[in-house]
C-alpha atoms as a PDB file:
ATOM      1  CA  MET A   1      26.611  22.608   5.839  1.00  0.00           C
ATOM      2  CA  MET A   2      25.274  25.961   4.629  1.00  0.00           C
ATOM      3  CA  SER A   3      23.219  28.022   6.937  1.00  0.00           C
ATOM      4  CA  TYR A   4      20.183  30.031   5.913  1.00  0.00           C
ATOM      5  CA  ALA A   5      18.332  32.862   7.889  1.00  0.00           C
ATOM      6  CA  ASP A   6      15.261  30.619   8.183  1.00  0.00           C
ATOM      7  CA  ASP A   7      17.203  27.836   9.764  1.00  0.00           C
ATOM      8  CA  VAL A   8      16.094  27.028  13.284  1.00  0.00           C
ATOM      9  CA  THR A   9      18.614  26.120  16.045  1.00  0.00           C
ATOM     10  CA  PHE A  10      17.182  24.196  19.011  1.00  0.00           C
ATOM     11  CA  PRO A  11      18.588  24.422  22.591  1.00  0.00           C
ATOM     12  CA  SER A  12      20.218  21.051  22.080  1.00  0.00           C
ATOM     13  CA  GLY A  13      22.360  22.535  19.404  1.00  0.00           C
ATOM     14  CA  ARG A  14      20.455  20.634  16.557  1.00  0.00           C
ATOM     15  CA  VAL A  15      19.844  22.710  13.430  1.00  0.00           C
ATOM     16  CA  ARG A  16      16.577  22.313  11.483  1.00  0.00           C
ATOM     17  CA  GLN A  17      17.520  23.444   8.024  1.00  0.00           C
ATOM     18  CA  TRP A  18      15.252  25.513   5.840  1.00  0.00           C
ATOM     19  CA  CYS A  19      14.383  23.779   2.581  1.00  0.00           C
ATOM     20  CA  GLN A  20      12.083  24.470  -0.313  1.00  0.00           C
ATOM     21  CA  MET A  21       8.784  22.538  -0.221  1.00  0.00           C
ATOM     22  CA  GLY A  22       9.239  21.581  -3.868  1.00  0.00           C
ATOM     23  CA  ASN A  23      12.306  19.583  -3.098  1.00  0.00           C
ATOM     24  CA  ILE A  24      10.430  17.581  -0.437  1.00  0.00           C
ATOM     25  CA  MET A  25       7.398  17.051  -2.614  1.00  0.00           C
ATOM     26  CA  ASP A  26       9.515  15.857  -5.567  1.00  0.00           C
ATOM     27  CA  LYS A  27      11.047  12.970  -3.616  1.00  0.00           C
ATOM     28  CA  LYS A  28       9.377   9.476  -3.725  1.00  0.00           C
ATOM     29  CA  PRO A  29       8.254   8.182  -0.340  1.00  0.00           C
ATOM     30  CA  GLN A  30      10.692   5.660   1.177  1.00  0.00           C
ATOM     31  CA  GLU A  31       9.443   2.143   0.994  1.00  0.00           C
ATOM     32  CA  ARG A  32       9.547   0.501   4.330  1.00  0.00           C
ATOM     33  CA  PRO A  33      10.816  -3.042   4.171  1.00  0.00           C
ATOM     34  CA  GLU A  34       8.316  -5.521   5.392  1.00  0.00           C
ATOM     35  CA  THR A  35       9.115  -6.784   8.892  1.00  0.00           C
ATOM     36  CA  THR A  36       8.796 -10.365   9.890  1.00  0.00           C
ATOM     37  CA  SER A  37       5.647  -9.751  11.744  1.00  0.00           C
ATOM     38  CA  ASP A  38       4.022  -8.191   8.639  1.00  0.00           C
ATOM     39  CA  GLN A  39       5.058 -11.208   6.616  1.00  0.00           C
ATOM     40  CA  ALA A  40       3.761 -13.604   9.230  1.00  0.00           C
ATOM     41  CA  PHE A  41       0.420 -11.803   9.365  1.00  0.00           C
ATOM     42  CA  ASP A  42       0.025 -11.669   5.535  1.00  0.00           C
ATOM     43  CA  LEU A  43       0.742 -15.533   5.380  1.00  0.00           C
ATOM     44  CA  TRP A  44      -1.748 -16.246   8.224  1.00  0.00           C
ATOM     45  CA  LEU A  45      -4.353 -14.096   6.519  1.00  0.00           C
ATOM     46  CA  LYS A  46      -3.710 -15.621   3.034  1.00  0.00           C
ATOM     47  CA  ARG A  47      -4.023 -19.263   4.469  1.00  0.00           C
ATOM     48  CA  GLY A  48      -7.161 -18.313   6.432  1.00  0.00           C
ATOM     49  CA  LEU A  49      -8.900 -16.802   3.444  1.00  0.00           C
ATOM     50  CA  HIS A  50      -7.981 -19.851   1.375  1.00  0.00           C
ATOM     51  CA  GLN A  51      -9.349 -22.189   3.861  1.00  0.00           C
ATOM     52  CA  LEU A  52     -12.564 -20.258   4.083  1.00  0.00           C
ATOM     53  CA  PHE A  53     -13.206 -19.458   0.428  1.00  0.00           C
ATOM     54  CA  ASP A  54     -11.426 -21.982  -1.826  1.00  0.00           C
ATOM     55  CA  ASP A  55     -14.324 -24.283  -1.888  1.00  0.00           C
ATOM     56  CA  VAL A  56     -16.770 -21.578  -2.978  1.00  0.00           C
ATOM     57  CA  ALA A  57     -14.314 -20.079  -5.583  1.00  0.00           C
ATOM     58  CA  ASN A  58     -13.967 -23.557  -7.152  1.00  0.00           C
ATOM     59  CA  GLU A  59     -17.771 -24.047  -7.666  1.00  0.00           C
ATOM     60  CA  PRO A  60     -18.904 -23.874 -11.259  1.00  0.00           C
ATOM     61  CA  ILE A  61     -20.609 -20.650 -12.402  1.00  0.00           C
ATOM     62  CA  PRO A  62     -24.385 -21.196 -12.823  1.00  0.00           C
ATOM     63  CA  GLU A  63     -25.419 -21.399 -16.450  1.00  0.00           C
ATOM     64  CA  GLU A  64     -28.000 -18.533 -15.947  1.00  0.00           C
ATOM     65  CA  LEU A  65     -25.303 -16.188 -14.716  1.00  0.00           C
ATOM     66  CA  LEU A  66     -23.200 -17.087 -17.798  1.00  0.00           C
ATOM     67  CA  ARG A  67     -26.123 -16.347 -19.987  1.00  0.00           C
ATOM     68  CA  LEU A  68     -26.809 -13.007 -18.337  1.00  0.00           C
ATOM     69  CA  ILE A  69     -23.100 -12.068 -18.769  1.00  0.00           C
ATOM     70  CA  GLU A  70     -23.043 -13.048 -22.425  1.00  0.00           C
ATOM     71  CA  GLU A  71     -26.195 -11.127 -23.096  1.00  0.00           C
ATOM     72  CA  ASP A  72     -24.760  -8.036 -21.459  1.00  0.00           C
ATOM     73  CA  ARG A  73     -21.626  -8.359 -23.599  1.00  0.00           C
ATOM     74  CA  GLY A  74     -23.671  -8.304 -26.742  1.00  0.00           C
ATOM     75  CA  GLU A  75     -25.290  -4.962 -26.004  1.00  0.00           C
END
């Protein structure tokens, strides 16, 4: 390990190395793997939202709304 004048040595003996900000900023953030609790929550939320809104989402679109959309596309 190369040592620089700007390195900081802590009382525990741990060394915090100096580095250029550009090197840090160029790195992509590490993706955190989803935990089981995250997956369980996502599944619970998805099922709950489907139970609440599937009936509404499956209703036919009113003719007047379709007409308004078509008129707007023509402009």
